[in-house]
N, C-alpha and C. Protein backbone atom coordinates (compact mmCIF):
# COMPACT_ATOMS: atom_id res chain seq x y z
N UNK A 1 0.86 -1.17 0.00
CA UNK A 1 0.00 0.00 0.00
C UNK A 1 0.90 1.23 0.00
N UNK A 2 0.64 2.11 -0.92
CA UNK A 2 1.37 3.38 -0.92
C UNK A 2 0.38 4.51 -1.15
N UNK A 3 0.74 5.67 -0.66
CA UNK A 3 -0.11 6.85 -0.76
C UNK A 3 0.53 7.85 -1.71
N UNK A 4 -0.25 8.36 -2.63
CA UNK A 4 0.24 9.39 -3.55
C UNK A 4 -0.72 10.57 -3.45
N UNK A 5 -0.18 11.72 -3.11
CA UNK A 5 -0.98 12.92 -2.98
C UNK A 5 -0.97 13.67 -4.32
N UNK A 6 -2.14 13.83 -4.93
CA UNK A 6 -2.13 14.51 -6.22
C UNK A 6 -1.85 16.00 -6.12
N UNK A 7 -1.67 16.51 -4.90
CA UNK A 7 -1.28 17.91 -4.73
C UNK A 7 0.12 18.15 -5.31
N UNK A 8 0.94 17.11 -5.40
CA UNK A 8 2.28 17.30 -5.97
C UNK A 8 2.20 17.72 -7.44
N UNK A 9 1.05 17.50 -8.06
CA UNK A 9 0.83 17.94 -9.44
C UNK A 9 -0.15 19.12 -9.48
N UNK A 10 -0.30 19.78 -8.32
CA UNK A 10 -1.18 20.94 -8.25
C UNK A 10 -0.68 22.09 -9.10
N UNK A 11 -1.54 23.05 -9.31
CA UNK A 11 -1.25 24.16 -10.22
C UNK A 11 -0.80 25.41 -9.47
N UNK A 12 0.17 26.10 -10.05
CA UNK A 12 0.63 27.37 -9.49
C UNK A 12 1.49 27.20 -8.25
N UNK A 13 1.86 28.33 -7.67
CA UNK A 13 2.77 28.29 -6.52
C UNK A 13 2.12 27.69 -5.28
N UNK A 14 0.79 27.66 -5.24
CA UNK A 14 0.09 27.08 -4.09
C UNK A 14 -0.33 25.63 -4.34
N UNK A 15 0.08 25.09 -5.48
CA UNK A 15 -0.25 23.70 -5.85
C UNK A 15 -1.75 23.43 -5.74
N UNK A 16 -2.53 24.29 -6.35
CA UNK A 16 -3.99 24.22 -6.29
C UNK A 16 -4.51 22.96 -6.98
N UNK A 17 -5.41 22.25 -6.31
CA UNK A 17 -6.01 21.03 -6.87
C UNK A 17 -7.52 21.16 -7.04
N UNK A 18 -8.09 22.28 -6.59
CA UNK A 18 -9.54 22.44 -6.66
C UNK A 18 -9.90 23.82 -7.18
N UNK A 19 -11.18 23.98 -7.53
CA UNK A 19 -11.66 25.27 -8.00
C UNK A 19 -13.18 25.30 -7.87
N UNK A 20 -13.74 26.47 -8.05
CA UNK A 20 -15.20 26.64 -7.96
C UNK A 20 -15.87 25.94 -9.14
N UNK A 21 -17.09 25.45 -8.93
CA UNK A 21 -17.79 24.78 -10.03
C UNK A 21 -18.32 25.77 -11.06
N UNK A 22 -18.21 25.38 -12.34
CA UNK A 22 -18.86 26.18 -13.38
C UNK A 22 -20.36 26.15 -13.12
N UNK A 23 -21.01 27.27 -13.34
CA UNK A 23 -22.45 27.36 -13.11
C UNK A 23 -22.79 27.73 -11.68
N UNK A 24 -21.77 27.88 -10.84
CA UNK A 24 -21.99 28.26 -9.45
C UNK A 24 -22.35 27.07 -8.58
N UNK A 25 -22.55 27.33 -7.33
CA UNK A 25 -22.91 26.29 -6.39
C UNK A 25 -21.92 26.22 -5.24
N UNK A 26 -22.28 25.48 -4.20
CA UNK A 26 -21.43 25.41 -3.02
C UNK A 26 -20.23 24.50 -3.23
N UNK A 27 -19.23 24.70 -2.40
CA UNK A 27 -18.09 23.79 -2.37
C UNK A 27 -17.10 23.98 -3.49
N UNK A 28 -16.07 23.16 -3.42
CA UNK A 28 -14.99 23.19 -4.40
C UNK A 28 -14.94 21.85 -5.11
N UNK A 29 -14.53 21.89 -6.38
CA UNK A 29 -14.46 20.70 -7.22
C UNK A 29 -12.99 20.37 -7.48
N UNK A 30 -12.62 19.10 -7.35
CA UNK A 30 -11.25 18.70 -7.66
C UNK A 30 -11.01 18.81 -9.16
N UNK A 31 -9.94 19.47 -9.53
CA UNK A 31 -9.61 19.71 -10.93
C UNK A 31 -9.10 18.43 -11.59
N UNK A 32 -9.27 18.36 -12.89
CA UNK A 32 -8.83 17.17 -13.62
C UNK A 32 -7.30 17.09 -13.78
N UNK A 33 -6.63 18.25 -13.98
CA UNK A 33 -5.20 18.18 -14.31
C UNK A 33 -4.35 17.47 -13.26
N UNK A 34 -4.43 17.84 -11.96
CA UNK A 34 -3.60 17.16 -10.97
C UNK A 34 -3.90 15.67 -10.85
N UNK A 35 -5.18 15.32 -10.93
CA UNK A 35 -5.56 13.91 -10.83
C UNK A 35 -5.07 13.15 -12.06
N UNK A 36 -5.27 13.72 -13.24
CA UNK A 36 -4.84 13.06 -14.48
C UNK A 36 -3.33 12.86 -14.49
N UNK A 37 -2.57 13.87 -14.09
CA UNK A 37 -1.11 13.74 -14.07
C UNK A 37 -0.66 12.67 -13.08
N UNK A 38 -1.30 12.63 -11.93
CA UNK A 38 -0.95 11.62 -10.93
C UNK A 38 -1.24 10.22 -11.45
N UNK A 39 -2.40 10.02 -12.06
CA UNK A 39 -2.75 8.70 -12.59
C UNK A 39 -1.83 8.30 -13.73
N UNK A 40 -1.49 9.25 -14.59
CA UNK A 40 -0.56 8.96 -15.69
C UNK A 40 0.80 8.53 -15.14
N UNK A 41 1.27 9.23 -14.11
CA UNK A 41 2.55 8.91 -13.48
C UNK A 41 2.52 7.50 -12.88
N UNK A 42 1.42 7.17 -12.21
CA UNK A 42 1.28 5.84 -11.61
C UNK A 42 1.29 4.75 -12.67
N UNK A 43 0.50 4.94 -13.72
CA UNK A 43 0.44 3.95 -14.80
C UNK A 43 1.81 3.77 -15.45
N UNK A 44 2.48 4.87 -15.73
CA UNK A 44 3.79 4.81 -16.36
C UNK A 44 4.77 4.04 -15.48
N UNK A 45 4.76 4.33 -14.19
CA UNK A 45 5.66 3.66 -13.25
C UNK A 45 5.42 2.15 -13.23
N UNK A 46 4.17 1.74 -13.07
CA UNK A 46 3.87 0.31 -12.98
C UNK A 46 4.02 -0.40 -14.32
N UNK A 47 3.67 0.26 -15.39
CA UNK A 47 3.85 -0.34 -16.72
C UNK A 47 5.33 -0.57 -17.01
N UNK A 48 6.20 0.32 -16.51
CA UNK A 48 7.65 0.13 -16.72
C UNK A 48 8.16 -1.11 -15.99
N UNK A 49 7.39 -1.58 -15.01
CA UNK A 49 7.73 -2.80 -14.26
C UNK A 49 6.97 -4.01 -14.79
N UNK A 50 6.26 -3.81 -15.90
CA UNK A 50 5.48 -4.91 -16.48
C UNK A 50 4.19 -5.21 -15.75
N UNK A 51 3.70 -4.25 -14.96
CA UNK A 51 2.47 -4.44 -14.19
C UNK A 51 1.33 -3.65 -14.81
N UNK A 52 0.16 -4.23 -14.80
CA UNK A 52 -1.05 -3.53 -15.24
C UNK A 52 -1.63 -2.78 -14.05
N UNK A 53 -2.45 -1.78 -14.31
CA UNK A 53 -3.12 -1.05 -13.24
C UNK A 53 -4.63 -1.12 -13.43
N UNK A 54 -5.33 -1.02 -12.33
CA UNK A 54 -6.79 -0.98 -12.33
C UNK A 54 -7.16 0.19 -11.43
N UNK A 55 -7.79 1.21 -11.99
CA UNK A 55 -8.05 2.45 -11.26
C UNK A 55 -9.52 2.54 -10.85
N UNK A 56 -9.72 2.83 -9.57
CA UNK A 56 -11.06 2.90 -8.98
C UNK A 56 -11.27 4.28 -8.39
N UNK A 57 -12.36 4.92 -8.77
CA UNK A 57 -12.76 6.19 -8.18
C UNK A 57 -13.70 5.88 -7.03
N UNK A 58 -13.38 6.37 -5.84
CA UNK A 58 -14.22 6.17 -4.67
C UNK A 58 -15.17 7.36 -4.59
N UNK A 59 -16.47 7.07 -4.73
CA UNK A 59 -17.46 8.14 -4.86
C UNK A 59 -18.82 7.61 -4.44
N UNK A 60 -19.67 8.44 -3.83
CA UNK A 60 -21.02 7.98 -3.48
C UNK A 60 -21.86 7.62 -4.71
N UNK A 61 -21.39 7.96 -5.90
CA UNK A 61 -22.13 7.65 -7.12
C UNK A 61 -21.76 6.29 -7.71
N UNK A 62 -20.78 5.61 -7.09
CA UNK A 62 -20.33 4.32 -7.61
C UNK A 62 -21.21 3.16 -7.19
N UNK A 63 -20.86 1.98 -7.68
CA UNK A 63 -21.55 0.75 -7.27
C UNK A 63 -21.21 0.48 -5.81
N UNK A 64 -22.17 0.06 -4.99
CA UNK A 64 -21.88 -0.22 -3.58
C UNK A 64 -20.81 -1.31 -3.43
N UNK A 65 -19.88 -1.08 -2.53
CA UNK A 65 -18.82 -2.04 -2.26
C UNK A 65 -19.40 -3.20 -1.46
N UNK A 66 -19.10 -4.41 -1.89
CA UNK A 66 -19.61 -5.62 -1.24
C UNK A 66 -18.46 -6.60 -1.02
N UNK A 67 -18.73 -7.63 -0.24
CA UNK A 67 -17.73 -8.68 -0.03
C UNK A 67 -17.40 -9.37 -1.35
N UNK A 68 -18.39 -9.51 -2.20
CA UNK A 68 -18.17 -10.12 -3.52
C UNK A 68 -17.16 -9.28 -4.31
N UNK A 69 -17.32 -7.96 -4.27
CA UNK A 69 -16.39 -7.07 -4.97
C UNK A 69 -15.00 -7.14 -4.33
N UNK A 70 -14.94 -7.24 -3.00
CA UNK A 70 -13.64 -7.37 -2.32
C UNK A 70 -12.92 -8.62 -2.80
N UNK A 71 -13.66 -9.72 -2.91
CA UNK A 71 -13.05 -10.97 -3.37
C UNK A 71 -12.57 -10.83 -4.81
N UNK A 72 -13.39 -10.21 -5.65
CA UNK A 72 -13.01 -9.99 -7.05
C UNK A 72 -11.73 -9.16 -7.15
N UNK A 73 -11.65 -8.09 -6.36
CA UNK A 73 -10.46 -7.24 -6.40
C UNK A 73 -9.23 -7.96 -5.83
N UNK A 74 -9.44 -8.82 -4.84
CA UNK A 74 -8.30 -9.55 -4.26
C UNK A 74 -7.71 -10.54 -5.25
N UNK A 75 -8.48 -10.93 -6.24
CA UNK A 75 -8.01 -11.88 -7.24
C UNK A 75 -7.52 -11.19 -8.51
N UNK A 76 -7.59 -9.87 -8.52
CA UNK A 76 -7.13 -9.08 -9.66
C UNK A 76 -5.61 -8.93 -9.55
N UNK A 77 -4.89 -9.31 -10.57
CA UNK A 77 -3.43 -9.25 -10.53
C UNK A 77 -2.87 -7.87 -10.84
N UNK A 78 -3.72 -6.94 -11.19
CA UNK A 78 -3.28 -5.57 -11.48
C UNK A 78 -2.97 -4.83 -10.19
N UNK A 79 -2.19 -3.76 -10.31
CA UNK A 79 -1.99 -2.86 -9.18
C UNK A 79 -3.26 -2.04 -9.06
N UNK A 80 -3.88 -2.06 -7.88
CA UNK A 80 -5.11 -1.31 -7.67
C UNK A 80 -4.77 0.12 -7.26
N UNK A 81 -5.34 1.07 -7.96
CA UNK A 81 -5.17 2.48 -7.63
C UNK A 81 -6.54 3.01 -7.23
N UNK A 82 -6.64 3.44 -5.98
CA UNK A 82 -7.90 3.98 -5.46
C UNK A 82 -7.78 5.50 -5.41
N UNK A 83 -8.70 6.18 -6.06
CA UNK A 83 -8.69 7.64 -6.11
C UNK A 83 -9.80 8.15 -5.21
N UNK A 84 -9.42 8.85 -4.17
CA UNK A 84 -10.45 9.43 -3.30
C UNK A 84 -10.18 10.92 -3.17
N UNK A 85 -11.21 11.63 -2.86
CA UNK A 85 -11.07 13.08 -2.77
C UNK A 85 -11.81 13.66 -1.59
N UNK A 86 -11.88 14.94 -1.59
CA UNK A 86 -12.58 15.69 -0.57
C UNK A 86 -13.42 16.73 -1.28
N UNK A 87 -13.85 17.70 -0.56
CA UNK A 87 -14.59 18.80 -1.17
C UNK A 87 -15.96 18.34 -1.71
N UNK A 88 -16.45 19.08 -2.68
CA UNK A 88 -17.78 18.82 -3.24
C UNK A 88 -17.79 17.65 -4.21
N UNK A 89 -16.66 17.35 -4.79
CA UNK A 89 -16.62 16.23 -5.72
C UNK A 89 -15.51 16.39 -6.73
N UNK A 90 -15.59 15.58 -7.77
CA UNK A 90 -14.58 15.56 -8.83
C UNK A 90 -15.10 16.23 -10.09
N UNK A 91 -14.21 16.83 -10.84
CA UNK A 91 -14.55 17.27 -12.18
C UNK A 91 -15.03 16.01 -12.93
N UNK A 92 -16.15 16.12 -13.58
CA UNK A 92 -16.77 14.96 -14.25
C UNK A 92 -15.82 14.24 -15.19
N UNK A 93 -14.91 14.95 -15.80
CA UNK A 93 -13.98 14.35 -16.76
C UNK A 93 -13.03 13.34 -16.13
N UNK A 94 -12.87 13.41 -14.82
CA UNK A 94 -12.00 12.45 -14.13
C UNK A 94 -12.55 11.03 -14.29
N UNK A 95 -13.86 10.91 -14.38
CA UNK A 95 -14.48 9.59 -14.52
C UNK A 95 -14.00 8.86 -15.78
N UNK A 96 -13.59 9.61 -16.78
CA UNK A 96 -13.10 8.98 -18.02
C UNK A 96 -11.72 8.36 -17.84
N UNK A 97 -11.07 8.63 -16.72
CA UNK A 97 -9.71 8.15 -16.48
C UNK A 97 -9.66 6.89 -15.61
N UNK A 98 -10.81 6.45 -15.13
CA UNK A 98 -10.83 5.31 -14.20
C UNK A 98 -11.53 4.11 -14.83
N UNK A 99 -11.25 2.94 -14.25
CA UNK A 99 -11.86 1.70 -14.76
C UNK A 99 -13.22 1.42 -14.14
N UNK A 100 -13.41 1.87 -12.91
CA UNK A 100 -14.71 1.69 -12.27
C UNK A 100 -14.84 2.67 -11.11
N UNK A 101 -16.07 2.76 -10.61
CA UNK A 101 -16.39 3.68 -9.52
C UNK A 101 -17.07 2.87 -8.42
N UNK A 102 -16.59 3.03 -7.19
CA UNK A 102 -17.12 2.27 -6.06
C UNK A 102 -17.57 3.22 -4.96
N UNK A 103 -18.69 2.88 -4.34
CA UNK A 103 -19.26 3.64 -3.24
C UNK A 103 -19.20 2.80 -1.96
N UNK A 104 -19.10 3.49 -0.83
CA UNK A 104 -19.16 2.78 0.45
C UNK A 104 -20.58 2.49 0.87
N UNK A 105 -21.55 3.05 0.22
CA UNK A 105 -22.95 2.85 0.57
C UNK A 105 -23.75 4.10 0.31
N UNK A 106 -24.98 4.08 0.73
CA UNK A 106 -25.88 5.20 0.47
C UNK A 106 -25.79 6.26 1.57
N UNK A 107 -24.61 6.84 1.68
CA UNK A 107 -24.37 7.92 2.63
C UNK A 107 -23.19 8.73 2.10
N UNK A 108 -22.98 9.91 2.66
CA UNK A 108 -21.90 10.77 2.19
C UNK A 108 -20.98 11.10 3.36
N UNK A 109 -19.68 11.00 3.13
CA UNK A 109 -18.66 11.37 4.11
C UNK A 109 -18.02 12.69 3.68
N UNK A 110 -17.16 13.23 4.52
CA UNK A 110 -16.43 14.46 4.17
C UNK A 110 -15.47 14.22 3.01
N UNK A 111 -15.00 13.00 2.90
CA UNK A 111 -14.08 12.64 1.83
C UNK A 111 -14.10 11.14 1.64
N UNK A 112 -13.31 10.67 0.70
CA UNK A 112 -13.30 9.24 0.40
C UNK A 112 -12.28 8.43 1.17
N UNK A 113 -11.53 9.07 2.08
CA UNK A 113 -10.44 8.38 2.76
C UNK A 113 -10.92 7.19 3.60
N UNK A 114 -11.98 7.37 4.35
CA UNK A 114 -12.47 6.30 5.23
C UNK A 114 -12.94 5.11 4.41
N UNK A 115 -13.67 5.36 3.34
CA UNK A 115 -14.15 4.29 2.48
C UNK A 115 -12.96 3.60 1.81
N UNK A 116 -11.99 4.38 1.38
CA UNK A 116 -10.79 3.82 0.75
C UNK A 116 -10.06 2.89 1.72
N UNK A 117 -9.93 3.31 2.97
CA UNK A 117 -9.28 2.45 3.97
C UNK A 117 -10.06 1.16 4.17
N UNK A 118 -11.39 1.26 4.18
CA UNK A 118 -12.21 0.05 4.33
C UNK A 118 -12.01 -0.89 3.15
N UNK A 119 -11.94 -0.35 1.95
CA UNK A 119 -11.71 -1.18 0.76
C UNK A 119 -10.35 -1.86 0.85
N UNK A 120 -9.32 -1.09 1.22
CA UNK A 120 -7.97 -1.66 1.34
C UNK A 120 -7.95 -2.79 2.35
N UNK A 121 -8.53 -2.57 3.51
CA UNK A 121 -8.52 -3.62 4.54
C UNK A 121 -9.31 -4.84 4.10
N UNK A 122 -10.47 -4.62 3.53
CA UNK A 122 -11.33 -5.72 3.11
C UNK A 122 -10.68 -6.57 2.03
N UNK A 123 -10.02 -5.93 1.08
CA UNK A 123 -9.34 -6.66 0.00
C UNK A 123 -8.07 -7.34 0.53
N UNK A 124 -7.29 -6.62 1.33
CA UNK A 124 -6.02 -7.16 1.84
C UNK A 124 -6.21 -8.43 2.64
N UNK A 125 -7.23 -8.47 3.47
CA UNK A 125 -7.41 -9.64 4.34
C UNK A 125 -7.79 -10.89 3.56
N UNK A 126 -8.15 -10.72 2.29
CA UNK A 126 -8.45 -11.88 1.45
C UNK A 126 -7.22 -12.40 0.71
N UNK A 127 -6.12 -11.65 0.77
CA UNK A 127 -4.90 -12.07 0.09
C UNK A 127 -4.22 -13.20 0.87
N UNK A 128 -3.72 -14.20 0.17
CA UNK A 128 -3.05 -15.32 0.85
C UNK A 128 -1.90 -14.82 1.74
N UNK A 129 -1.88 -15.33 2.97
CA UNK A 129 -0.82 -14.98 3.91
C UNK A 129 -1.08 -13.73 4.72
N UNK A 130 -2.14 -12.98 4.42
CA UNK A 130 -2.39 -11.73 5.14
C UNK A 130 -2.90 -12.02 6.55
N UNK A 131 -3.83 -12.95 6.67
CA UNK A 131 -4.36 -13.34 7.98
C UNK A 131 -3.54 -14.50 8.53
N UNK A 132 -3.47 -14.59 9.84
CA UNK A 132 -2.77 -15.72 10.45
C UNK A 132 -3.43 -17.04 10.10
N UNK A 133 -4.75 -17.04 10.01
CA UNK A 133 -5.51 -18.24 9.67
C UNK A 133 -6.46 -17.87 8.53
N UNK A 134 -6.15 -18.30 7.33
CA UNK A 134 -6.95 -17.92 6.15
C UNK A 134 -8.39 -18.39 6.27
N UNK A 135 -8.62 -19.44 7.05
CA UNK A 135 -9.98 -19.95 7.25
C UNK A 135 -10.88 -18.88 7.86
N UNK A 136 -10.28 -17.94 8.60
CA UNK A 136 -11.06 -16.87 9.21
C UNK A 136 -11.86 -16.10 8.17
N UNK A 137 -11.26 -15.84 7.02
CA UNK A 137 -11.95 -15.06 5.99
C UNK A 137 -12.97 -15.88 5.22
N UNK A 138 -12.89 -17.20 5.34
CA UNK A 138 -13.79 -18.07 4.59
C UNK A 138 -15.08 -18.37 5.33
N UNK A 139 -15.12 -18.09 6.63
CA UNK A 139 -16.30 -18.45 7.42
C UNK A 139 -16.97 -17.26 8.07
N UNK A 140 -16.67 -16.07 7.64
CA UNK A 140 -17.25 -14.90 8.29
C UNK A 140 -18.43 -14.34 7.49
N UNK A 141 -19.03 -13.30 8.03
CA UNK A 141 -20.18 -12.68 7.37
C UNK A 141 -19.87 -12.35 5.93
N UNK A 142 -20.84 -12.59 5.07
CA UNK A 142 -20.83 -12.29 3.64
C UNK A 142 -19.97 -13.23 2.82
N UNK A 143 -19.13 -14.07 3.44
CA UNK A 143 -18.24 -14.91 2.64
C UNK A 143 -19.04 -15.91 1.81
N UNK A 144 -20.22 -16.28 2.28
CA UNK A 144 -21.08 -17.20 1.53
C UNK A 144 -22.45 -16.57 1.30
N UNK A 145 -22.47 -15.25 1.18
CA UNK A 145 -23.70 -14.46 1.01
C UNK A 145 -24.64 -14.59 2.20
N UNK A 146 -24.09 -14.92 3.35
CA UNK A 146 -24.86 -14.98 4.59
C UNK A 146 -24.11 -14.20 5.66
N UNK A 147 -24.87 -13.73 6.65
CA UNK A 147 -24.22 -13.16 7.82
C UNK A 147 -23.58 -14.30 8.60
N UNK A 148 -22.60 -13.97 9.41
CA UNK A 148 -21.92 -15.00 10.18
C UNK A 148 -22.83 -15.50 11.30
N UNK A 149 -22.68 -16.77 11.62
CA UNK A 149 -23.43 -17.39 12.71
C UNK A 149 -23.00 -16.78 14.05
N UNK A 150 -23.83 -16.92 15.11
CA UNK A 150 -23.44 -16.42 16.43
C UNK A 150 -22.19 -17.13 16.95
N UNK A 151 -21.35 -16.39 17.63
CA UNK A 151 -20.11 -16.92 18.19
C UNK A 151 -20.14 -16.82 19.72
N UNK A 152 -19.53 -17.78 20.38
CA UNK A 152 -19.47 -17.80 21.84
C UNK A 152 -18.07 -18.20 22.29
N UNK A 153 -17.72 -17.80 23.51
CA UNK A 153 -16.49 -18.26 24.15
C UNK A 153 -16.77 -18.48 25.63
N UNK A 154 -15.77 -18.78 26.40
CA UNK A 154 -15.94 -19.06 27.83
C UNK A 154 -16.44 -17.82 28.56
N UNK A 155 -17.24 -17.99 29.58
CA UNK A 155 -17.72 -19.24 30.19
C UNK A 155 -18.90 -19.82 29.43
N UNK A 156 -19.18 -21.08 29.67
CA UNK A 156 -20.29 -21.76 28.99
C UNK A 156 -21.65 -21.22 29.44
N UNK A 157 -21.68 -20.63 30.63
CA UNK A 157 -22.92 -20.05 31.14
C UNK A 157 -22.59 -18.74 31.84
N UNK A 158 -23.41 -17.72 31.58
CA UNK A 158 -23.21 -16.44 32.23
C UNK A 158 -24.57 -15.79 32.44
N UNK A 159 -24.90 -15.52 33.70
CA UNK A 159 -26.14 -14.84 34.06
C UNK A 159 -27.36 -15.47 33.39
N UNK A 160 -27.38 -16.79 33.37
CA UNK A 160 -28.51 -17.51 32.79
C UNK A 160 -28.48 -17.61 31.27
N UNK A 161 -27.46 -17.10 30.66
CA UNK A 161 -27.32 -17.19 29.20
C UNK A 161 -26.29 -18.28 28.90
N UNK A 162 -26.78 -19.36 28.26
CA UNK A 162 -25.93 -20.52 28.03
C UNK A 162 -25.50 -20.63 26.57
N UNK A 163 -24.30 -21.17 26.39
CA UNK A 163 -23.82 -21.49 25.05
C UNK A 163 -24.65 -22.66 24.54
N UNK A 164 -25.12 -22.65 23.31
CA UNK A 164 -25.91 -23.76 22.78
C UNK A 164 -25.17 -25.10 22.90
N UNK A 165 -25.92 -26.13 23.28
CA UNK A 165 -25.35 -27.47 23.50
C UNK A 165 -24.61 -27.99 22.27
N UNK A 166 -25.12 -27.71 21.08
CA UNK A 166 -24.49 -28.20 19.85
C UNK A 166 -23.02 -27.77 19.76
N UNK A 167 -22.75 -26.55 20.22
CA UNK A 167 -21.38 -26.02 20.13
C UNK A 167 -20.45 -26.64 21.18
N UNK A 168 -21.04 -27.14 22.24
CA UNK A 168 -20.26 -27.78 23.30
C UNK A 168 -20.10 -29.27 23.09
N UNK A 169 -20.82 -29.83 22.11
CA UNK A 169 -20.89 -31.28 21.92
C UNK A 169 -19.60 -31.90 21.40
N UNK A 170 -18.80 -31.14 20.66
CA UNK A 170 -17.61 -31.72 20.05
C UNK A 170 -17.92 -32.46 18.75
N UNK A 171 -19.19 -32.56 18.39
CA UNK A 171 -19.62 -33.24 17.17
C UNK A 171 -19.54 -32.23 16.01
N UNK A 172 -18.53 -32.39 15.16
CA UNK A 172 -18.28 -31.41 14.10
C UNK A 172 -19.44 -31.30 13.12
N UNK A 173 -20.12 -32.39 12.86
CA UNK A 173 -21.25 -32.36 11.94
C UNK A 173 -22.39 -31.54 12.53
N UNK A 174 -22.70 -31.77 13.82
CA UNK A 174 -23.75 -31.01 14.50
C UNK A 174 -23.39 -29.52 14.57
N UNK A 175 -22.13 -29.25 14.85
CA UNK A 175 -21.68 -27.86 14.94
C UNK A 175 -21.84 -27.16 13.59
N UNK A 176 -21.42 -27.83 12.52
CA UNK A 176 -21.54 -27.25 11.17
C UNK A 176 -23.00 -27.01 10.81
N UNK A 177 -23.87 -27.97 11.14
CA UNK A 177 -25.30 -27.80 10.85
C UNK A 177 -25.88 -26.64 11.64
N UNK A 178 -25.53 -26.55 12.92
CA UNK A 178 -26.02 -25.47 13.77
C UNK A 178 -25.58 -24.11 13.21
N UNK A 179 -24.31 -24.03 12.85
CA UNK A 179 -23.78 -22.77 12.32
C UNK A 179 -24.49 -22.37 11.02
N UNK A 180 -24.68 -23.32 10.13
CA UNK A 180 -25.35 -23.03 8.86
C UNK A 180 -26.79 -22.57 9.10
N UNK A 181 -27.48 -23.29 9.97
CA UNK A 181 -28.88 -22.96 10.28
C UNK A 181 -28.98 -21.56 10.88
N UNK A 182 -28.10 -21.23 11.81
CA UNK A 182 -28.18 -19.93 12.47
C UNK A 182 -27.67 -18.78 11.59
N UNK A 183 -26.73 -19.07 10.71
CA UNK A 183 -26.30 -18.05 9.75
C UNK A 183 -27.46 -17.71 8.82
N UNK A 184 -28.17 -18.73 8.38
CA UNK A 184 -29.31 -18.52 7.49
C UNK A 184 -30.44 -17.77 8.20
N UNK A 185 -30.79 -18.18 9.42
CA UNK A 185 -31.88 -17.51 10.13
C UNK A 185 -31.51 -16.07 10.49
N UNK A 186 -30.26 -15.85 10.86
CA UNK A 186 -29.81 -14.48 11.18
C UNK A 186 -29.88 -13.60 9.92
N UNK A 187 -29.48 -14.14 8.80
CA UNK A 187 -29.51 -13.38 7.55
C UNK A 187 -30.95 -13.06 7.15
N UNK A 188 -31.84 -14.05 7.25
CA UNK A 188 -33.25 -13.81 6.91
C UNK A 188 -33.84 -12.71 7.77
N UNK A 189 -33.47 -12.69 9.05
CA UNK A 189 -34.03 -11.73 9.99
C UNK A 189 -33.42 -10.33 9.82
N UNK A 190 -32.09 -10.27 9.69
CA UNK A 190 -31.40 -8.98 9.70
C UNK A 190 -31.10 -8.40 8.32
N UNK A 191 -30.84 -9.28 7.36
CA UNK A 191 -30.47 -8.81 6.01
C UNK A 191 -31.11 -9.68 4.94
N UNK A 192 -32.44 -9.69 4.84
CA UNK A 192 -33.10 -10.54 3.84
C UNK A 192 -32.70 -10.19 2.41
N UNK A 193 -32.19 -8.99 2.20
CA UNK A 193 -31.76 -8.59 0.85
C UNK A 193 -30.58 -9.42 0.35
N UNK A 194 -29.88 -10.10 1.24
CA UNK A 194 -28.73 -10.92 0.84
C UNK A 194 -29.14 -12.28 0.30
N UNK A 195 -30.35 -12.69 0.59
CA UNK A 195 -30.80 -14.03 0.18
C UNK A 195 -31.53 -13.97 -1.15
């Protein structure tokens, strides 16, 4: 993971990267020139090493980021370049420079940094060797289009709340069935849109 600030390609002595929107309106718009120069520099650098690049604009107007998309990106052999900004938004022409646009969901943040960090973490943890136990990423929420089953640890009983007998049984088949059943029922109740 590396960070590149497109301000290094800003304009004038103040390295300006934004300007007022044509037609008026609130906020500042990120200019195309600094972003375009930064992306060109990145592509040139990686292409000189024989690497392809895949550029993603992080924006509330993009497709919602999902676990399925995280898995797809983790299997992409290209260098992923995530472009995030601040202010009111991007000059529309910047969209012509990217391969796809991803959103963190149906909400707006002050900038794209938080969503970008979430994408980086979500994709990275799917890479071989990133987690201490790769099985962790294979059995968690969304990995099979279901929410994760309930988890318990010691003590087996606390204030009248007991760990389900199936989980204490040691019978791997019963445990697997219990987990599948509860993942499905939890998903139906909390996120029926996933089914």
